[in-house]
N, C-alpha and C. Protein backbone atom coordinates (compact mmCIF):
# COMPACT_ATOMS: atom_id res chain seq x y z
N MET A 1 0.85 -1.18 0.00
CA MET A 1 0.00 0.00 0.00
C MET A 1 0.89 1.24 0.00
N LYS A 2 0.52 2.22 -0.83
CA LYS A 2 1.27 3.47 -0.90
C LYS A 2 0.45 4.60 -0.31
N ILE A 3 1.09 5.38 0.55
CA ILE A 3 0.44 6.53 1.19
C ILE A 3 1.28 7.76 0.90
N LEU A 4 0.64 8.80 0.40
CA LEU A 4 1.30 10.08 0.15
C LEU A 4 0.87 11.06 1.24
N ILE A 5 1.85 11.70 1.88
CA ILE A 5 1.58 12.72 2.90
C ILE A 5 2.09 14.05 2.36
N VAL A 6 1.18 15.03 2.25
CA VAL A 6 1.54 16.35 1.73
C VAL A 6 1.33 17.38 2.84
N ASP A 7 2.43 17.93 3.34
CA ASP A 7 2.37 18.89 4.45
C ASP A 7 3.68 19.67 4.44
N ASP A 8 3.60 20.98 4.63
CA ASP A 8 4.82 21.79 4.64
C ASP A 8 5.57 21.70 5.97
N SER A 9 4.95 21.11 6.98
CA SER A 9 5.59 20.95 8.29
C SER A 9 6.31 19.59 8.35
N SER A 10 7.63 19.64 8.49
CA SER A 10 8.41 18.39 8.62
C SER A 10 7.95 17.59 9.83
N PHE A 11 7.70 18.28 10.93
CA PHE A 11 7.26 17.61 12.16
C PHE A 11 5.95 16.87 11.92
N SER A 12 4.98 17.53 11.29
CA SER A 12 3.69 16.90 11.02
C SER A 12 3.84 15.67 10.12
N LYS A 13 4.70 15.79 9.11
CA LYS A 13 4.91 14.64 8.21
C LYS A 13 5.49 13.45 8.97
N ILE A 14 6.45 13.70 9.84
CA ILE A 14 7.08 12.62 10.61
C ILE A 14 6.06 11.97 11.54
N VAL A 15 5.30 12.78 12.27
CA VAL A 15 4.30 12.25 13.21
C VAL A 15 3.25 11.44 12.45
N THR A 16 2.72 11.99 11.37
CA THR A 16 1.69 11.30 10.59
C THR A 16 2.23 9.98 10.06
N SER A 17 3.43 10.01 9.50
CA SER A 17 4.05 8.81 8.94
C SER A 17 4.23 7.72 10.01
N LYS A 18 4.76 8.09 11.16
CA LYS A 18 4.99 7.11 12.24
C LYS A 18 3.68 6.49 12.71
N LEU A 19 2.67 7.33 12.91
CA LEU A 19 1.38 6.82 13.39
C LEU A 19 0.73 5.90 12.37
N ILE A 20 0.82 6.25 11.10
CA ILE A 20 0.25 5.40 10.05
C ILE A 20 0.96 4.05 10.04
N LYS A 21 2.29 4.09 10.14
CA LYS A 21 3.07 2.84 10.11
C LYS A 21 2.79 1.97 11.34
N ASN A 22 2.36 2.57 12.45
CA ASN A 22 2.00 1.79 13.64
C ASN A 22 0.77 0.94 13.39
N PHE A 23 -0.14 1.42 12.55
CA PHE A 23 -1.41 0.74 12.34
C PHE A 23 -1.47 -0.05 11.04
N LEU A 24 -0.80 0.42 10.01
CA LEU A 24 -0.85 -0.25 8.71
C LEU A 24 0.47 -0.95 8.43
N LYS A 25 0.38 -2.22 8.10
CA LYS A 25 1.59 -2.99 7.78
C LYS A 25 1.84 -2.93 6.28
N ASP A 26 3.08 -3.19 5.89
CA ASP A 26 3.46 -3.20 4.47
C ASP A 26 3.03 -1.92 3.77
N VAL A 27 3.35 -0.80 4.37
CA VAL A 27 2.97 0.49 3.79
C VAL A 27 4.23 1.25 3.38
N GLU A 28 4.16 1.85 2.20
CA GLU A 28 5.24 2.72 1.72
C GLU A 28 4.73 4.15 1.84
N VAL A 29 5.45 4.98 2.58
CA VAL A 29 5.04 6.37 2.77
C VAL A 29 5.90 7.27 1.89
N ILE A 30 5.23 8.11 1.10
CA ILE A 30 5.90 9.08 0.24
C ILE A 30 5.56 10.46 0.79
N LEU A 31 6.56 11.34 0.89
CA LEU A 31 6.37 12.66 1.48
C LEU A 31 6.51 13.76 0.44
N ALA A 32 5.69 14.81 0.59
CA ALA A 32 5.80 15.99 -0.26
C ALA A 32 5.65 17.22 0.63
N ASN A 33 6.36 18.31 0.26
CA ASN A 33 6.43 19.51 1.10
C ASN A 33 5.37 20.57 0.82
N ASP A 34 4.73 20.50 -0.33
CA ASP A 34 3.69 21.48 -0.66
C ASP A 34 2.79 20.89 -1.74
N GLY A 35 1.76 21.65 -2.11
CA GLY A 35 0.79 21.15 -3.07
C GLY A 35 1.37 20.86 -4.44
N ALA A 36 2.30 21.70 -4.90
CA ALA A 36 2.90 21.49 -6.22
C ALA A 36 3.67 20.17 -6.25
N GLU A 37 4.51 19.95 -5.25
CA GLU A 37 5.27 18.70 -5.16
C GLU A 37 4.32 17.52 -4.93
N GLY A 38 3.28 17.76 -4.13
CA GLY A 38 2.30 16.71 -3.85
C GLY A 38 1.60 16.22 -5.09
N PHE A 39 1.19 17.15 -5.97
CA PHE A 39 0.48 16.76 -7.19
C PHE A 39 1.42 16.00 -8.13
N LYS A 40 2.66 16.47 -8.23
CA LYS A 40 3.67 15.80 -9.06
C LYS A 40 3.87 14.36 -8.57
N LYS A 41 4.04 14.20 -7.26
CA LYS A 41 4.27 12.86 -6.70
C LYS A 41 3.02 12.00 -6.81
N TYR A 42 1.83 12.62 -6.69
CA TYR A 42 0.59 11.85 -6.84
C TYR A 42 0.56 11.19 -8.22
N LYS A 43 0.88 11.98 -9.25
CA LYS A 43 0.84 11.45 -10.62
C LYS A 43 1.92 10.38 -10.84
N GLU A 44 3.08 10.54 -10.21
CA GLU A 44 4.17 9.57 -10.36
C GLU A 44 3.88 8.26 -9.62
N VAL A 45 3.40 8.38 -8.39
CA VAL A 45 3.30 7.24 -7.48
C VAL A 45 1.93 6.57 -7.52
N LYS A 46 0.88 7.33 -7.80
CA LYS A 46 -0.50 6.86 -7.76
C LYS A 46 -0.78 6.15 -6.43
N PRO A 47 -0.74 6.91 -5.33
CA PRO A 47 -0.91 6.31 -4.00
C PRO A 47 -2.32 5.76 -3.78
N ASP A 48 -2.41 4.81 -2.86
CA ASP A 48 -3.72 4.27 -2.49
C ASP A 48 -4.51 5.29 -1.67
N TYR A 49 -3.79 6.03 -0.82
CA TYR A 49 -4.41 7.05 0.03
C TYR A 49 -3.47 8.25 0.12
N THR A 50 -4.08 9.44 0.21
CA THR A 50 -3.31 10.68 0.30
C THR A 50 -3.78 11.46 1.52
N PHE A 51 -2.82 11.99 2.28
CA PHE A 51 -3.10 12.82 3.44
C PHE A 51 -2.64 14.23 3.11
N VAL A 52 -3.54 15.20 3.22
CA VAL A 52 -3.26 16.57 2.77
C VAL A 52 -3.51 17.57 3.89
N ASP A 53 -2.54 18.46 4.10
CA ASP A 53 -2.72 19.63 4.97
C ASP A 53 -3.34 20.72 4.10
N LEU A 54 -4.10 21.61 4.67
CA LEU A 54 -4.73 22.67 3.87
C LEU A 54 -3.85 23.90 3.72
N LEU A 55 -3.13 24.28 4.78
CA LEU A 55 -2.37 25.53 4.76
C LEU A 55 -0.92 25.25 4.35
N MET A 56 -0.65 25.45 3.05
CA MET A 56 0.69 25.19 2.50
C MET A 56 1.03 26.25 1.46
N PRO A 57 2.33 26.46 1.22
CA PRO A 57 2.75 27.40 0.17
C PRO A 57 2.55 26.81 -1.23
N ASN A 58 2.75 27.65 -2.23
CA ASN A 58 2.63 27.29 -3.65
C ASN A 58 1.20 26.89 -3.99
N ILE A 59 0.87 25.64 -3.93
CA ILE A 59 -0.50 25.19 -4.14
C ILE A 59 -1.02 24.75 -2.77
N ASN A 60 -2.09 25.39 -2.28
CA ASN A 60 -2.59 25.02 -0.95
C ASN A 60 -3.39 23.71 -1.02
N GLY A 61 -3.79 23.24 0.13
CA GLY A 61 -4.47 21.95 0.21
C GLY A 61 -5.77 21.87 -0.56
N LYS A 62 -6.59 22.93 -0.49
CA LYS A 62 -7.86 22.92 -1.23
C LYS A 62 -7.60 22.82 -2.73
N GLU A 63 -6.64 23.60 -3.22
CA GLU A 63 -6.31 23.56 -4.65
C GLU A 63 -5.76 22.19 -5.03
N LEU A 64 -4.93 21.62 -4.16
CA LEU A 64 -4.36 20.30 -4.43
C LEU A 64 -5.46 19.24 -4.52
N ILE A 65 -6.39 19.25 -3.59
CA ILE A 65 -7.48 18.27 -3.60
C ILE A 65 -8.26 18.39 -4.90
N LYS A 66 -8.54 19.62 -5.31
CA LYS A 66 -9.28 19.84 -6.57
C LYS A 66 -8.49 19.28 -7.76
N LEU A 67 -7.19 19.55 -7.81
CA LEU A 67 -6.34 19.03 -8.89
C LEU A 67 -6.33 17.50 -8.91
N ILE A 68 -6.16 16.91 -7.74
CA ILE A 68 -6.12 15.44 -7.65
C ILE A 68 -7.46 14.86 -8.09
N LYS A 69 -8.56 15.42 -7.63
CA LYS A 69 -9.89 14.90 -7.98
C LYS A 69 -10.17 15.05 -9.48
N GLU A 70 -9.68 16.13 -10.09
CA GLU A 70 -9.84 16.30 -11.54
C GLU A 70 -9.00 15.26 -12.29
N TYR A 71 -7.83 14.97 -11.76
CA TYR A 71 -6.91 14.00 -12.37
C TYR A 71 -7.40 12.56 -12.14
N ASP A 72 -7.92 12.30 -10.93
CA ASP A 72 -8.35 10.95 -10.54
C ASP A 72 -9.56 11.07 -9.63
N LYS A 73 -10.76 10.96 -10.23
CA LYS A 73 -11.99 11.16 -9.45
C LYS A 73 -12.16 10.13 -8.33
N ASP A 74 -11.47 8.99 -8.44
CA ASP A 74 -11.58 7.94 -7.43
C ASP A 74 -10.51 8.03 -6.34
N SER A 75 -9.75 9.12 -6.33
CA SER A 75 -8.69 9.29 -5.33
C SER A 75 -9.28 9.26 -3.92
N LYS A 76 -8.47 8.77 -2.99
CA LYS A 76 -8.91 8.63 -1.60
C LYS A 76 -8.06 9.54 -0.74
N ILE A 77 -8.68 10.62 -0.27
CA ILE A 77 -7.95 11.70 0.40
C ILE A 77 -8.47 11.92 1.82
N PHE A 78 -7.51 12.01 2.74
CA PHE A 78 -7.79 12.43 4.12
C PHE A 78 -7.20 13.83 4.27
N VAL A 79 -7.92 14.72 4.91
CA VAL A 79 -7.40 16.05 5.21
C VAL A 79 -7.02 16.08 6.69
N ILE A 80 -5.78 16.49 6.96
CA ILE A 80 -5.34 16.68 8.34
C ILE A 80 -4.92 18.14 8.45
N SER A 81 -5.72 18.94 9.16
CA SER A 81 -5.45 20.38 9.15
C SER A 81 -5.82 21.04 10.46
N ALA A 82 -5.13 22.14 10.73
CA ALA A 82 -5.45 22.97 11.89
C ALA A 82 -6.55 23.98 11.54
N ASP A 83 -6.86 24.11 10.25
CA ASP A 83 -7.91 25.04 9.81
C ASP A 83 -9.26 24.36 10.01
N VAL A 84 -9.95 24.73 11.08
CA VAL A 84 -11.20 24.05 11.42
C VAL A 84 -12.43 24.93 11.22
N GLN A 85 -12.30 25.97 10.40
CA GLN A 85 -13.46 26.81 10.11
C GLN A 85 -14.52 25.95 9.43
N LYS A 86 -15.77 26.11 9.87
CA LYS A 86 -16.86 25.30 9.35
C LYS A 86 -16.98 25.43 7.83
N SER A 87 -16.87 26.65 7.32
CA SER A 87 -17.01 26.88 5.87
C SER A 87 -15.91 26.17 5.09
N VAL A 88 -14.70 26.20 5.61
CA VAL A 88 -13.56 25.53 4.95
C VAL A 88 -13.79 24.02 4.96
N ARG A 89 -14.18 23.51 6.10
CA ARG A 89 -14.42 22.07 6.24
C ARG A 89 -15.51 21.60 5.27
N GLU A 90 -16.61 22.35 5.20
CA GLU A 90 -17.71 21.98 4.30
C GLU A 90 -17.28 22.03 2.84
N GLU A 91 -16.49 23.05 2.49
CA GLU A 91 -16.01 23.18 1.12
C GLU A 91 -15.14 21.99 0.74
N VAL A 92 -14.23 21.61 1.63
CA VAL A 92 -13.32 20.50 1.37
C VAL A 92 -14.09 19.17 1.33
N GLU A 93 -15.03 18.99 2.24
CA GLU A 93 -15.82 17.75 2.27
C GLU A 93 -16.65 17.59 1.01
N ALA A 94 -17.02 18.71 0.38
CA ALA A 94 -17.80 18.66 -0.86
C ALA A 94 -17.01 18.03 -2.01
N TYR A 95 -15.69 17.98 -1.90
CA TYR A 95 -14.86 17.34 -2.93
C TYR A 95 -14.88 15.81 -2.82
N GLY A 96 -15.54 15.29 -1.80
CA GLY A 96 -15.63 13.85 -1.66
C GLY A 96 -14.42 13.22 -0.99
N ILE A 97 -13.89 13.91 0.02
CA ILE A 97 -12.76 13.35 0.76
C ILE A 97 -13.26 12.23 1.68
N MET A 98 -12.34 11.43 2.18
CA MET A 98 -12.72 10.33 3.06
C MET A 98 -13.01 10.81 4.48
N LYS A 99 -12.21 11.79 4.96
CA LYS A 99 -12.37 12.26 6.34
C LYS A 99 -11.59 13.55 6.54
N PHE A 100 -12.15 14.48 7.30
CA PHE A 100 -11.46 15.70 7.72
C PHE A 100 -11.02 15.48 9.16
N ILE A 101 -9.72 15.56 9.40
CA ILE A 101 -9.17 15.31 10.73
C ILE A 101 -8.49 16.57 11.25
N ASN A 102 -8.87 16.99 12.44
CA ASN A 102 -8.25 18.17 13.04
C ASN A 102 -6.87 17.82 13.59
N LYS A 103 -5.90 18.73 13.34
CA LYS A 103 -4.59 18.58 13.97
C LYS A 103 -4.74 18.90 15.45
N PRO A 104 -3.96 18.32 16.31
CA PRO A 104 -2.85 17.43 16.02
C PRO A 104 -3.32 16.01 15.72
N PHE A 105 -2.62 15.36 14.78
CA PHE A 105 -2.87 13.96 14.45
C PHE A 105 -2.24 13.13 15.56
N ASN A 106 -3.03 12.26 16.18
CA ASN A 106 -2.53 11.47 17.31
C ASN A 106 -2.93 10.00 17.13
N GLU A 107 -2.61 9.19 18.12
CA GLU A 107 -2.86 7.76 18.02
C GLU A 107 -4.35 7.44 17.87
N GLU A 108 -5.18 8.15 18.60
CA GLU A 108 -6.63 7.92 18.52
C GLU A 108 -7.14 8.21 17.10
N LYS A 109 -6.68 9.32 16.52
CA LYS A 109 -7.10 9.69 15.16
C LYS A 109 -6.51 8.73 14.12
N ALA A 110 -5.29 8.25 14.37
CA ALA A 110 -4.67 7.28 13.46
C ALA A 110 -5.46 5.97 13.47
N LYS A 111 -5.95 5.57 14.64
CA LYS A 111 -6.76 4.35 14.73
C LYS A 111 -8.06 4.52 13.96
N GLU A 112 -8.65 5.70 14.04
CA GLU A 112 -9.87 5.98 13.29
C GLU A 112 -9.60 5.89 11.78
N VAL A 113 -8.48 6.45 11.33
CA VAL A 113 -8.09 6.37 9.92
C VAL A 113 -7.88 4.91 9.52
N PHE A 114 -7.19 4.14 10.36
CA PHE A 114 -6.96 2.72 10.11
C PHE A 114 -8.30 2.00 9.91
N ASN A 115 -9.26 2.27 10.78
CA ASN A 115 -10.58 1.62 10.67
C ASN A 115 -11.28 2.00 9.38
N ILE A 116 -11.17 3.27 8.96
CA ILE A 116 -11.77 3.71 7.70
C ILE A 116 -11.11 2.99 6.53
N ILE A 117 -9.78 2.91 6.54
CA ILE A 117 -9.05 2.24 5.45
C ILE A 117 -9.39 0.75 5.43
N GLN A 118 -9.44 0.11 6.59
CA GLN A 118 -9.80 -1.32 6.65
C GLN A 118 -11.20 -1.53 6.07
N GLY A 119 -12.13 -0.65 6.43
CA GLY A 119 -13.49 -0.75 5.89
C GLY A 119 -13.52 -0.55 4.38
N ASP A 120 -12.68 0.36 3.90
CA ASP A 120 -12.60 0.64 2.46
C ASP A 120 -12.02 -0.57 1.72
N ILE A 121 -10.97 -1.16 2.27
CA ILE A 121 -10.31 -2.32 1.64
C ILE A 121 -11.25 -3.52 1.61
N ASN A 122 -11.97 -3.71 2.71
CA ASN A 122 -12.85 -4.88 2.83
C ASN A 122 -14.22 -4.68 2.19
N GLY A 123 -14.42 -3.50 1.60
CA GLY A 123 -15.66 -3.23 0.89
C GLY A 123 -16.80 -2.92 1.80
């Protein structure tokens, strides 16, 4: 399984990656620093799941989600963001993401993501 994590915070990428690896076995994690790099890597790697922060330089998370969905309507995206404004959340959820997760990403939230992915894999 391939997971792409797009976040401009090195700390957030490390934490998210470690927590995902605690719950998912045989996972390859690919990291990107902003939306532009994230979209490039998405097209190269074609990950099974993508984790996107909203507040990033170059191409922000909302723009990245839109680009990915236009490129691959079946993409499976989780948003992990500190931006919890209701209007932002509703706008992002309208793109058909799997889940909006408030930062900080922790073990409890990683377990919830694991359960969503397990349910998705098992149909």
